[in-house]
Amino acid sequence: MSRAVVAVLVVWLGCLPAARAQDAGSPHEMTKADGSLSMEACGVCHNEDMSLQRSKLETCTLCHAQTVHAGADEHVRANPAAVKRAVAAQPKDAPALPLTDDGHMYCGTCHLFHDPKVMEEAWLPQGWLPPDTGVSGAVRQGVIDRWETLALRSDDKRPLGQFATKGARQMRVPVNQGQLCRQCHGTPP
């Protein structure tokens, strides 16, 4: 299978669980119609004692592709010592950004995964789409350039992926003004 086809499948499959998260039956929807807790939903990720069945990253990547969006893979692979320094530099009143047991970032560092009806964390009320200008525009263009390079290497003329049109949801910190990125990267000069 060509790299282009794999890249398209990764992007496409990675978007499916996010789209289904609003559907009944998603493990992210943890309450039944009557408002009671759905232990079946919890059992997708947790053991009976509520410990995770897999590592934090494996729990997420069981359903979601690891490299769905720009920066995801780089952040997951970031050196734990560098992550520790970045997290230590966060403002004191900043929301907690959870890490894996060995200090790596994972999907849940930036994304909420528990139903807000169950946990004390609220999902963003609507999706966020980054602007086409500034840093967000540069990141977007960088990803497009990567896709084009991969297409050329694989001699494939089809588009390798596309950006979300409805926005990212379930973010731990709002991102519309770069708030999430500044948690670790600070304010640009």
N, C-alpha and C. Protein backbone atom coordinates (compact mmCIF):
# COMPACT_ATOMS: atom_id res chain seq x y z
N MET A 1 0.85 -1.17 0.00
CA MET A 1 0.00 0.00 0.00
C MET A 1 0.90 1.24 0.00
N SER A 2 0.60 2.22 -0.83
CA SER A 2 1.46 3.40 -0.93
C SER A 2 1.33 4.26 0.32
N ARG A 3 2.36 5.07 0.57
CA ARG A 3 2.34 5.98 1.73
C ARG A 3 1.17 6.94 1.64
N ALA A 4 0.84 7.35 0.44
CA ALA A 4 -0.27 8.30 0.26
C ALA A 4 -1.58 7.67 0.75
N VAL A 5 -1.81 6.43 0.37
CA VAL A 5 -3.04 5.75 0.79
C VAL A 5 -3.04 5.58 2.30
N VAL A 6 -1.90 5.20 2.87
CA VAL A 6 -1.81 5.05 4.32
C VAL A 6 -2.09 6.38 5.01
N ALA A 7 -1.51 7.47 4.50
CA ALA A 7 -1.71 8.79 5.11
C ALA A 7 -3.18 9.18 5.07
N VAL A 8 -3.84 8.95 3.93
CA VAL A 8 -5.26 9.28 3.82
C VAL A 8 -6.06 8.44 4.80
N LEU A 9 -5.75 7.16 4.89
CA LEU A 9 -6.48 6.29 5.83
C LEU A 9 -6.28 6.73 7.27
N VAL A 10 -5.06 7.12 7.63
CA VAL A 10 -4.78 7.56 8.99
C VAL A 10 -5.61 8.79 9.32
N VAL A 11 -5.61 9.78 8.41
CA VAL A 11 -6.39 10.99 8.65
C VAL A 11 -7.87 10.66 8.71
N TRP A 12 -8.34 9.86 7.77
CA TRP A 12 -9.76 9.53 7.71
C TRP A 12 -10.20 8.74 8.94
N LEU A 13 -9.45 7.70 9.28
CA LEU A 13 -9.80 6.88 10.44
C LEU A 13 -9.69 7.67 11.72
N GLY A 14 -8.73 8.55 11.80
CA GLY A 14 -8.58 9.37 13.00
C GLY A 14 -9.74 10.30 13.21
N CYS A 15 -10.41 10.70 12.13
CA CYS A 15 -11.54 11.60 12.24
C CYS A 15 -12.82 10.87 12.62
N LEU A 16 -12.91 9.59 12.29
CA LEU A 16 -14.13 8.84 12.57
C LEU A 16 -14.50 8.80 14.04
N PRO A 17 -13.59 8.44 14.95
CA PRO A 17 -13.98 8.40 16.35
C PRO A 17 -14.42 9.76 16.86
N ALA A 18 -13.79 10.85 16.40
CA ALA A 18 -14.19 12.18 16.85
C ALA A 18 -15.62 12.47 16.39
N ALA A 19 -15.96 12.05 15.18
CA ALA A 19 -17.31 12.27 14.69
C ALA A 19 -18.29 11.41 15.47
N ARG A 20 -17.89 10.18 15.81
CA ARG A 20 -18.79 9.28 16.54
C ARG A 20 -18.90 9.65 18.01
N ALA A 21 -17.99 10.49 18.52
CA ALA A 21 -18.00 10.81 19.95
C ALA A 21 -19.32 11.44 20.36
N GLN A 22 -20.03 12.03 19.41
CA GLN A 22 -21.31 12.64 19.72
C GLN A 22 -22.44 11.60 19.68
N ASP A 23 -22.16 10.41 19.19
CA ASP A 23 -23.17 9.36 19.07
C ASP A 23 -23.27 8.57 20.36
N ALA A 24 -24.46 8.05 20.60
CA ALA A 24 -24.62 7.14 21.73
C ALA A 24 -23.74 5.93 21.47
N GLY A 25 -23.17 5.37 22.51
CA GLY A 25 -22.32 4.21 22.36
C GLY A 25 -20.84 4.55 22.36
N SER A 26 -20.49 5.81 22.19
CA SER A 26 -19.09 6.21 22.27
C SER A 26 -18.65 6.13 23.72
N PRO A 27 -17.43 5.64 23.98
CA PRO A 27 -16.98 5.61 25.38
C PRO A 27 -16.80 7.00 25.96
N HIS A 28 -16.78 8.05 25.12
CA HIS A 28 -16.69 9.41 25.63
C HIS A 28 -18.03 9.90 26.17
N GLU A 29 -19.10 9.23 25.81
CA GLU A 29 -20.43 9.54 26.35
C GLU A 29 -20.68 8.53 27.47
N MET A 30 -20.47 8.95 28.70
CA MET A 30 -20.43 8.02 29.83
C MET A 30 -21.70 7.95 30.66
N THR A 31 -22.74 8.62 30.20
CA THR A 31 -24.00 8.56 30.94
C THR A 31 -25.09 7.96 30.06
N LYS A 32 -26.01 7.29 30.72
CA LYS A 32 -27.16 6.73 30.02
C LYS A 32 -28.20 7.83 29.85
N ALA A 33 -29.27 7.55 29.11
CA ALA A 33 -30.33 8.52 28.87
C ALA A 33 -30.94 9.03 30.18
N ASP A 34 -30.98 8.16 31.21
CA ASP A 34 -31.56 8.56 32.49
C ASP A 34 -30.57 9.34 33.37
N GLY A 35 -29.34 9.57 32.86
CA GLY A 35 -28.36 10.34 33.62
C GLY A 35 -27.43 9.51 34.49
N SER A 36 -27.69 8.20 34.59
CA SER A 36 -26.83 7.35 35.41
C SER A 36 -25.56 7.01 34.65
N LEU A 37 -24.53 6.64 35.39
CA LEU A 37 -23.23 6.31 34.82
C LEU A 37 -23.31 5.00 34.04
N SER A 38 -22.74 4.97 32.87
CA SER A 38 -22.70 3.77 32.04
C SER A 38 -21.39 3.04 32.30
N MET A 39 -21.43 2.01 33.09
CA MET A 39 -20.23 1.24 33.39
C MET A 39 -19.71 0.52 32.14
N GLU A 40 -20.60 0.26 31.17
CA GLU A 40 -20.15 -0.36 29.93
C GLU A 40 -19.20 0.59 29.18
N ALA A 41 -19.51 1.87 29.18
CA ALA A 41 -18.64 2.85 28.52
C ALA A 41 -17.29 2.91 29.24
N CYS A 42 -17.30 2.89 30.55
CA CYS A 42 -16.04 2.94 31.31
C CYS A 42 -15.18 1.72 30.99
N GLY A 43 -15.83 0.57 30.79
CA GLY A 43 -15.13 -0.68 30.55
C GLY A 43 -14.37 -0.73 29.24
N VAL A 44 -14.60 0.22 28.34
CA VAL A 44 -13.84 0.26 27.09
C VAL A 44 -12.37 0.56 27.40
N CYS A 45 -12.13 1.42 28.38
CA CYS A 45 -10.76 1.85 28.70
C CYS A 45 -10.27 1.34 30.06
N HIS A 46 -11.20 1.14 31.00
CA HIS A 46 -10.83 0.86 32.38
C HIS A 46 -11.13 -0.59 32.79
N ASN A 47 -10.33 -1.07 33.74
CA ASN A 47 -10.62 -2.34 34.42
C ASN A 47 -11.69 -2.08 35.47
N GLU A 48 -12.15 -3.13 36.14
CA GLU A 48 -13.19 -2.97 37.17
C GLU A 48 -12.74 -2.05 38.30
N ASP A 49 -11.45 -2.04 38.62
CA ASP A 49 -10.95 -1.17 39.69
C ASP A 49 -10.67 0.25 39.19
N MET A 50 -11.07 0.55 37.95
CA MET A 50 -10.92 1.83 37.28
C MET A 50 -9.49 2.16 36.86
N SER A 51 -8.56 1.21 36.98
CA SER A 51 -7.23 1.40 36.41
C SER A 51 -7.36 1.23 34.90
N LEU A 52 -6.45 1.83 34.16
CA LEU A 52 -6.50 1.70 32.70
C LEU A 52 -6.08 0.30 32.28
N GLN A 53 -6.71 -0.21 31.24
CA GLN A 53 -6.35 -1.52 30.70
C GLN A 53 -5.03 -1.49 29.96
N ARG A 54 -4.66 -0.32 29.43
CA ARG A 54 -3.44 -0.14 28.64
C ARG A 54 -2.76 1.14 29.12
N SER A 55 -1.62 1.47 28.52
CA SER A 55 -0.99 2.75 28.84
C SER A 55 -1.92 3.87 28.39
N LYS A 56 -1.65 5.09 28.86
CA LYS A 56 -2.51 6.22 28.48
C LYS A 56 -2.52 6.41 26.97
N LEU A 57 -1.35 6.39 26.35
CA LEU A 57 -1.29 6.58 24.90
C LEU A 57 -1.99 5.44 24.17
N GLU A 58 -1.74 4.20 24.58
CA GLU A 58 -2.39 3.06 23.93
C GLU A 58 -3.90 3.10 24.11
N THR A 59 -4.36 3.64 25.24
CA THR A 59 -5.80 3.75 25.46
C THR A 59 -6.41 4.64 24.39
N CYS A 60 -5.74 5.74 24.09
CA CYS A 60 -6.26 6.66 23.07
C CYS A 60 -6.12 6.08 21.67
N THR A 61 -4.96 5.51 21.37
CA THR A 61 -4.69 5.05 20.01
C THR A 61 -5.38 3.72 19.69
N LEU A 62 -6.05 3.14 20.66
CA LEU A 62 -6.86 1.96 20.36
C LEU A 62 -7.96 2.33 19.36
N CYS A 63 -8.49 3.56 19.48
CA CYS A 63 -9.55 4.02 18.57
C CYS A 63 -9.12 5.18 17.68
N HIS A 64 -8.21 6.02 18.16
CA HIS A 64 -7.82 7.23 17.43
C HIS A 64 -6.42 7.08 16.87
N ALA A 65 -6.21 7.56 15.65
CA ALA A 65 -4.87 7.55 15.06
C ALA A 65 -3.98 8.54 15.82
N GLN A 66 -2.73 8.20 16.01
CA GLN A 66 -1.81 9.03 16.78
C GLN A 66 -1.45 10.31 16.05
N THR A 67 -1.40 10.31 14.75
CA THR A 67 -0.92 11.47 14.00
C THR A 67 -2.02 12.14 13.20
N VAL A 68 -3.16 12.36 13.81
CA VAL A 68 -4.29 12.93 13.10
C VAL A 68 -4.05 14.38 12.72
N HIS A 69 -3.37 15.12 13.54
CA HIS A 69 -3.21 16.55 13.26
C HIS A 69 -1.77 17.01 13.41
N ALA A 70 -1.51 18.19 12.91
CA ALA A 70 -0.16 18.76 12.94
C ALA A 70 0.35 18.83 14.37
N GLY A 71 1.56 18.35 14.58
CA GLY A 71 2.19 18.45 15.88
C GLY A 71 1.93 17.30 16.82
N ALA A 72 0.94 16.48 16.56
CA ALA A 72 0.60 15.41 17.49
C ALA A 72 1.77 14.47 17.70
N ASP A 73 2.35 13.98 16.62
CA ASP A 73 3.44 13.02 16.73
C ASP A 73 4.66 13.64 17.41
N GLU A 74 4.99 14.88 17.04
CA GLU A 74 6.14 15.55 17.66
C GLU A 74 5.93 15.72 19.16
N HIS A 75 4.73 16.05 19.57
CA HIS A 75 4.46 16.24 21.00
C HIS A 75 4.52 14.92 21.76
N VAL A 76 3.97 13.87 21.19
CA VAL A 76 3.98 12.56 21.84
C VAL A 76 5.42 12.05 21.99
N ARG A 77 6.28 12.38 21.04
CA ARG A 77 7.67 11.93 21.08
C ARG A 77 8.59 12.89 21.84
N ALA A 78 8.06 14.00 22.35
CA ALA A 78 8.91 15.00 23.03
C ALA A 78 9.63 14.37 24.23
N ASN A 79 10.85 14.82 24.44
CA ASN A 79 11.69 14.32 25.53
C ASN A 79 11.04 14.66 26.88
N PRO A 80 10.85 13.68 27.76
CA PRO A 80 10.20 13.94 29.04
C PRO A 80 10.88 15.04 29.87
N ALA A 81 12.21 15.16 29.78
CA ALA A 81 12.90 16.22 30.53
C ALA A 81 12.49 17.60 30.01
N ALA A 82 12.38 17.72 28.69
CA ALA A 82 11.94 18.99 28.10
C ALA A 82 10.48 19.27 28.45
N VAL A 83 9.66 18.24 28.45
CA VAL A 83 8.26 18.39 28.82
C VAL A 83 8.16 18.85 30.27
N LYS A 84 8.95 18.26 31.14
CA LYS A 84 8.93 18.63 32.56
C LYS A 84 9.30 20.11 32.74
N ARG A 85 10.32 20.57 32.00
CA ARG A 85 10.71 21.98 32.07
C ARG A 85 9.58 22.88 31.57
N ALA A 86 8.95 22.49 30.47
CA ALA A 86 7.87 23.30 29.91
C ALA A 86 6.68 23.37 30.85
N VAL A 87 6.31 22.24 31.42
CA VAL A 87 5.18 22.20 32.34
C VAL A 87 5.49 23.00 33.61
N ALA A 88 6.74 22.94 34.08
CA ALA A 88 7.13 23.70 35.27
C ALA A 88 7.05 25.20 35.04
N ALA A 89 7.18 25.63 33.79
CA ALA A 89 7.15 27.06 33.46
C ALA A 89 5.72 27.58 33.26
N GLN A 90 4.73 26.71 33.39
CA GLN A 90 3.35 27.15 33.21
C GLN A 90 2.96 28.14 34.29
N PRO A 91 2.03 29.04 33.97
CA PRO A 91 1.50 29.93 35.01
C PRO A 91 0.88 29.10 36.13
N LYS A 92 0.98 29.60 37.36
CA LYS A 92 0.49 28.85 38.53
C LYS A 92 -1.02 28.55 38.45
N ASP A 93 -1.78 29.44 37.83
CA ASP A 93 -3.23 29.23 37.75
C ASP A 93 -3.65 28.48 36.47
N ALA A 94 -2.68 27.98 35.72
CA ALA A 94 -2.97 27.27 34.47
C ALA A 94 -3.62 25.91 34.77
N PRO A 95 -4.50 25.48 33.88
CA PRO A 95 -5.09 24.15 34.05
C PRO A 95 -4.00 23.08 33.99
N ALA A 96 -4.21 22.02 34.74
CA ALA A 96 -3.25 20.91 34.73
C ALA A 96 -3.24 20.26 33.36
N LEU A 97 -2.05 19.92 32.90
CA LEU A 97 -1.89 19.18 31.65
C LEU A 97 -1.30 17.83 32.01
N PRO A 98 -2.14 16.79 32.10
CA PRO A 98 -1.66 15.48 32.54
C PRO A 98 -0.67 14.87 31.55
N LEU A 99 0.24 14.09 32.10
CA LEU A 99 1.27 13.40 31.31
C LEU A 99 1.17 11.90 31.56
N THR A 100 1.91 11.13 30.79
CA THR A 100 1.96 9.69 31.03
C THR A 100 2.79 9.44 32.28
N ASP A 101 2.79 8.22 32.76
CA ASP A 101 3.53 7.89 33.98
C ASP A 101 5.03 8.13 33.83
N ASP A 102 5.55 8.05 32.59
CA ASP A 102 6.98 8.27 32.39
C ASP A 102 7.29 9.70 31.91
N GLY A 103 6.30 10.62 32.02
CA GLY A 103 6.55 12.03 31.73
C GLY A 103 6.36 12.47 30.30
N HIS A 104 5.85 11.60 29.44
CA HIS A 104 5.58 11.98 28.05
C HIS A 104 4.21 12.65 27.94
N MET A 105 4.06 13.43 26.90
CA MET A 105 2.74 13.96 26.56
C MET A 105 1.97 12.84 25.86
N TYR A 106 0.67 12.92 25.91
CA TYR A 106 -0.19 11.99 25.18
C TYR A 106 -1.46 12.74 24.81
N CYS A 107 -2.36 12.12 24.13
CA CYS A 107 -3.57 12.79 23.64
C CYS A 107 -4.30 13.55 24.75
N GLY A 108 -4.41 12.94 25.93
CA GLY A 108 -5.11 13.53 27.05
C GLY A 108 -4.40 14.72 27.68
N THR A 109 -3.19 15.02 27.25
CA THR A 109 -2.52 16.22 27.73
C THR A 109 -3.27 17.44 27.21
N CYS A 110 -3.75 17.38 25.98
CA CYS A 110 -4.46 18.51 25.36
C CYS A 110 -5.96 18.29 25.26
N HIS A 111 -6.40 17.03 25.13
CA HIS A 111 -7.81 16.74 24.91
C HIS A 111 -8.45 16.14 26.16
N LEU A 112 -9.69 16.56 26.42
CA LEU A 112 -10.49 15.93 27.48
C LEU A 112 -11.06 14.63 26.94
N PHE A 113 -11.20 13.65 27.81
CA PHE A 113 -11.67 12.36 27.33
C PHE A 113 -12.85 11.85 28.14
N HIS A 114 -13.11 12.42 29.30
CA HIS A 114 -14.26 12.02 30.11
C HIS A 114 -15.44 12.94 29.84
N ASP A 115 -16.62 12.37 29.89
CA ASP A 115 -17.86 13.09 29.70
C ASP A 115 -17.97 14.21 30.74
N PRO A 116 -18.27 15.45 30.33
CA PRO A 116 -18.38 16.53 31.31
C PRO A 116 -19.54 16.33 32.29
N LYS A 117 -20.49 15.47 31.94
CA LYS A 117 -21.58 15.17 32.87
C LYS A 117 -21.07 14.34 34.05
N VAL A 118 -19.92 13.70 33.87
CA VAL A 118 -19.36 12.82 34.89
C VAL A 118 -18.22 13.52 35.64
N MET A 119 -17.41 14.24 34.89
CA MET A 119 -16.23 14.89 35.47
C MET A 119 -16.49 16.38 35.61
N GLU A 120 -15.63 17.06 36.33
CA GLU A 120 -15.78 18.49 36.57
C GLU A 120 -15.07 19.33 35.50
N GLU A 121 -14.86 18.79 34.31
CA GLU A 121 -14.20 19.50 33.24
C GLU A 121 -15.19 19.68 32.10
N ALA A 122 -15.33 20.92 31.61
CA ALA A 122 -16.28 21.19 30.54
C ALA A 122 -15.59 21.16 29.19
N TRP A 123 -16.24 20.54 28.21
CA TRP A 123 -15.75 20.57 26.85
C TRP A 123 -16.03 21.95 26.28
N LEU A 124 -15.25 22.36 25.30
CA LEU A 124 -15.56 23.61 24.62
C LEU A 124 -16.94 23.48 23.99
N PRO A 125 -17.76 24.53 24.08
CA PRO A 125 -19.13 24.41 23.56
C PRO A 125 -19.21 24.26 22.05
N GLN A 126 -18.18 24.68 21.35
CA GLN A 126 -18.19 24.51 19.90
C GLN A 126 -16.78 24.20 19.41
N GLY A 127 -16.72 23.70 18.21
CA GLY A 127 -15.42 23.36 17.65
C GLY A 127 -14.58 24.59 17.38
N TRP A 128 -13.28 24.40 17.27
CA TRP A 128 -12.35 25.48 16.97
C TRP A 128 -11.63 25.18 15.68
N LEU A 129 -11.60 26.13 14.80
CA LEU A 129 -10.82 26.02 13.57
C LEU A 129 -9.73 27.07 13.62
N PRO A 130 -8.47 26.67 13.45
CA PRO A 130 -7.40 27.67 13.49
C PRO A 130 -7.49 28.60 12.30
N PRO A 131 -7.08 29.86 12.48
CA PRO A 131 -7.10 30.78 11.35
C PRO A 131 -6.05 30.39 10.32
N ASP A 132 -6.20 30.90 9.12
CA ASP A 132 -5.25 30.62 8.04
C ASP A 132 -4.07 31.59 8.06
N THR A 133 -3.94 32.40 9.10
CA THR A 133 -2.87 33.39 9.18
C THR A 133 -2.02 33.13 10.42
N GLY A 134 -0.93 33.86 10.55
CA GLY A 134 -0.07 33.77 11.73
C GLY A 134 0.52 32.38 11.90
N VAL A 135 0.77 32.01 13.16
CA VAL A 135 1.37 30.72 13.47
C VAL A 135 0.47 29.58 12.98
N SER A 136 -0.84 29.72 13.20
CA SER A 136 -1.75 28.66 12.76
C SER A 136 -1.67 28.46 11.25
N GLY A 137 -1.61 29.56 10.51
CA GLY A 137 -1.49 29.47 9.06
C GLY A 137 -0.18 28.82 8.64
N ALA A 138 0.90 29.15 9.37
CA ALA A 138 2.21 28.56 9.06
C ALA A 138 2.21 27.06 9.33
N VAL A 139 1.58 26.64 10.44
CA VAL A 139 1.49 25.22 10.75
C VAL A 139 0.67 24.51 9.67
N ARG A 140 -0.46 25.10 9.32
CA ARG A 140 -1.31 24.53 8.28
C ARG A 140 -0.52 24.36 6.98
N GLN A 141 0.21 25.41 6.57
CA GLN A 141 0.98 25.35 5.34
C GLN A 141 2.09 24.30 5.45
N GLY A 142 2.71 24.19 6.63
CA GLY A 142 3.75 23.18 6.83
C GLY A 142 3.22 21.77 6.64
N VAL A 143 2.02 21.53 7.13
CA VAL A 143 1.41 20.20 6.97
C VAL A 143 1.08 19.96 5.50
N ILE A 144 0.52 20.96 4.83
CA ILE A 144 0.22 20.81 3.40
C ILE A 144 1.50 20.52 2.63
N ASP A 145 2.58 21.23 2.97
CA ASP A 145 3.86 20.99 2.30
C ASP A 145 4.35 19.57 2.54
N ARG A 146 4.20 19.06 3.77
CA ARG A 146 4.60 17.67 4.07
C ARG A 146 3.80 16.69 3.24
N TRP A 147 2.47 16.94 3.14
CA TRP A 147 1.63 16.05 2.35
C TRP A 147 2.07 16.04 0.91
N GLU A 148 2.38 17.24 0.37
CA GLU A 148 2.82 17.32 -1.03
C GLU A 148 4.15 16.59 -1.22
N THR A 149 5.07 16.73 -0.27
CA THR A 149 6.36 16.03 -0.36
C THR A 149 6.15 14.52 -0.35
N LEU A 150 5.30 14.04 0.54
CA LEU A 150 5.00 12.60 0.58
C LEU A 150 4.36 12.13 -0.72
N ALA A 151 3.48 12.93 -1.28
CA ALA A 151 2.82 12.57 -2.53
C ALA A 151 3.85 12.45 -3.65
N LEU A 152 4.79 13.39 -3.70
CA LEU A 152 5.83 13.35 -4.73
C LEU A 152 6.71 12.11 -4.56
N ARG A 153 7.07 11.80 -3.30
CA ARG A 153 7.92 10.63 -3.05
C ARG A 153 7.22 9.34 -3.46
N SER A 154 5.92 9.30 -3.26
CA SER A 154 5.19 8.07 -3.57
C SER A 154 4.59 8.10 -4.97
N ASP A 155 4.91 9.16 -5.73
CA ASP A 155 4.42 9.31 -7.09
C ASP A 155 2.90 9.22 -7.13
N ASP A 156 2.27 9.86 -6.16
CA ASP A 156 0.82 9.84 -6.03
C ASP A 156 0.31 11.27 -6.17
N LYS A 157 -0.64 11.49 -7.03
CA LYS A 157 -1.14 12.84 -7.28
C LYS A 157 -2.40 13.18 -6.48
N ARG A 158 -2.92 12.22 -5.75
CA ARG A 158 -4.13 12.47 -4.98
C ARG A 158 -3.81 13.22 -3.70
N PRO A 159 -4.76 14.00 -3.18
CA PRO A 159 -4.51 14.69 -1.90
C PRO A 159 -4.33 13.66 -0.78
N LEU A 160 -3.37 13.91 0.10
CA LEU A 160 -3.08 12.94 1.16
C LEU A 160 -3.94 13.13 2.40
N GLY A 161 -4.63 14.22 2.49
CA GLY A 161 -5.46 14.46 3.66
C GLY A 161 -6.15 15.79 3.51
N GLN A 162 -6.94 16.14 4.50
CA GLN A 162 -7.60 17.43 4.50
C GLN A 162 -7.76 17.90 5.93
N PHE A 163 -7.95 19.18 6.08
CA PHE A 163 -8.11 19.73 7.41
C PHE A 163 -9.57 19.65 7.83
N ALA A 164 -9.79 19.62 9.13
CA ALA A 164 -11.13 19.58 9.67
C ALA A 164 -11.92 20.80 9.21
N THR A 165 -13.19 20.62 8.97
CA THR A 165 -14.04 21.74 8.57
C THR A 165 -14.99 22.15 9.68
N LYS A 166 -15.12 21.32 10.71
CA LYS A 166 -16.02 21.63 11.81
C LYS A 166 -15.28 21.99 13.09
N GLY A 167 -13.99 21.76 13.13
CA GLY A 167 -13.20 22.17 14.28
C GLY A 167 -12.92 21.07 15.27
N ALA A 168 -11.97 21.35 16.17
CA ALA A 168 -11.57 20.42 17.21
C ALA A 168 -12.43 20.66 18.45
N ARG A 169 -12.85 19.60 19.06
CA ARG A 169 -13.65 19.69 20.29
C ARG A 169 -12.90 18.96 21.40
N GLN A 170 -13.47 19.03 22.56
CA GLN A 170 -12.95 18.31 23.72
C GLN A 170 -11.52 18.74 24.06
N MET A 171 -11.23 20.03 23.88
CA MET A 171 -9.92 20.55 24.21
C MET A 171 -9.86 20.89 25.70
N ARG A 172 -8.72 20.64 26.32
CA ARG A 172 -8.52 20.90 27.74
C ARG A 172 -8.45 22.40 28.03
N VAL A 173 -7.88 23.15 27.09
CA VAL A 173 -7.73 24.60 27.21
C VAL A 173 -8.18 25.19 25.88
N PRO A 174 -8.89 26.32 25.89
CA PRO A 174 -9.26 26.93 24.60
C PRO A 174 -8.03 27.18 23.74
N VAL A 175 -8.21 27.12 22.44
CA VAL A 175 -7.08 27.26 21.53
C VAL A 175 -7.25 28.40 20.54
N ASN A 176 -8.37 29.10 20.58
CA ASN A 176 -8.65 30.08 19.53
C ASN A 176 -7.64 31.23 19.49
N GLN A 177 -6.98 31.56 20.57
CA GLN A 177 -5.95 32.59 20.57
C GLN A 177 -4.58 32.00 20.93
N GLY A 178 -4.44 30.69 20.76
CA GLY A 178 -3.17 30.04 21.06
C GLY A 178 -2.96 29.75 22.53
N GLN A 179 -4.03 29.80 23.34
CA GLN A 179 -3.89 29.58 24.78
C GLN A 179 -3.26 28.24 25.12
N LEU A 180 -3.69 27.19 24.46
CA LEU A 180 -3.15 25.87 24.76
C LEU A 180 -1.66 25.81 24.45
N CYS A 181 -1.29 26.30 23.29
CA CYS A 181 0.14 26.25 22.90
C CYS A 181 0.99 27.05 23.87
N ARG A 182 0.48 28.20 24.33
CA ARG A 182 1.26 29.05 25.24
C ARG A 182 1.42 28.44 26.62
N GLN A 183 0.63 27.43 26.96
CA GLN A 183 0.79 26.77 28.26
C GLN A 183 2.20 26.25 28.43
N CYS A 184 2.77 25.72 27.36
CA CYS A 184 4.12 25.15 27.42
C CYS A 184 5.15 25.98 26.66
N HIS A 185 4.72 26.58 25.57
CA HIS A 185 5.67 27.27 24.70
C HIS A 185 5.83 28.75 25.05
N GLY A 186 4.98 29.27 25.95
CA GLY A 186 5.07 30.68 26.34
C GLY A 186 4.52 31.59 25.26
N THR A 187 4.61 32.87 25.53
CA THR A 187 4.15 33.87 24.58
C THR A 187 5.28 34.21 23.63
N PRO A 188 5.02 34.17 22.33
CA PRO A 188 6.11 34.47 21.39
C PRO A 188 6.59 35.92 21.56
N PRO A 189 7.87 36.16 21.29
CA PRO A 189 8.39 37.51 21.46
C PRO A 189 7.80 38.49 20.46
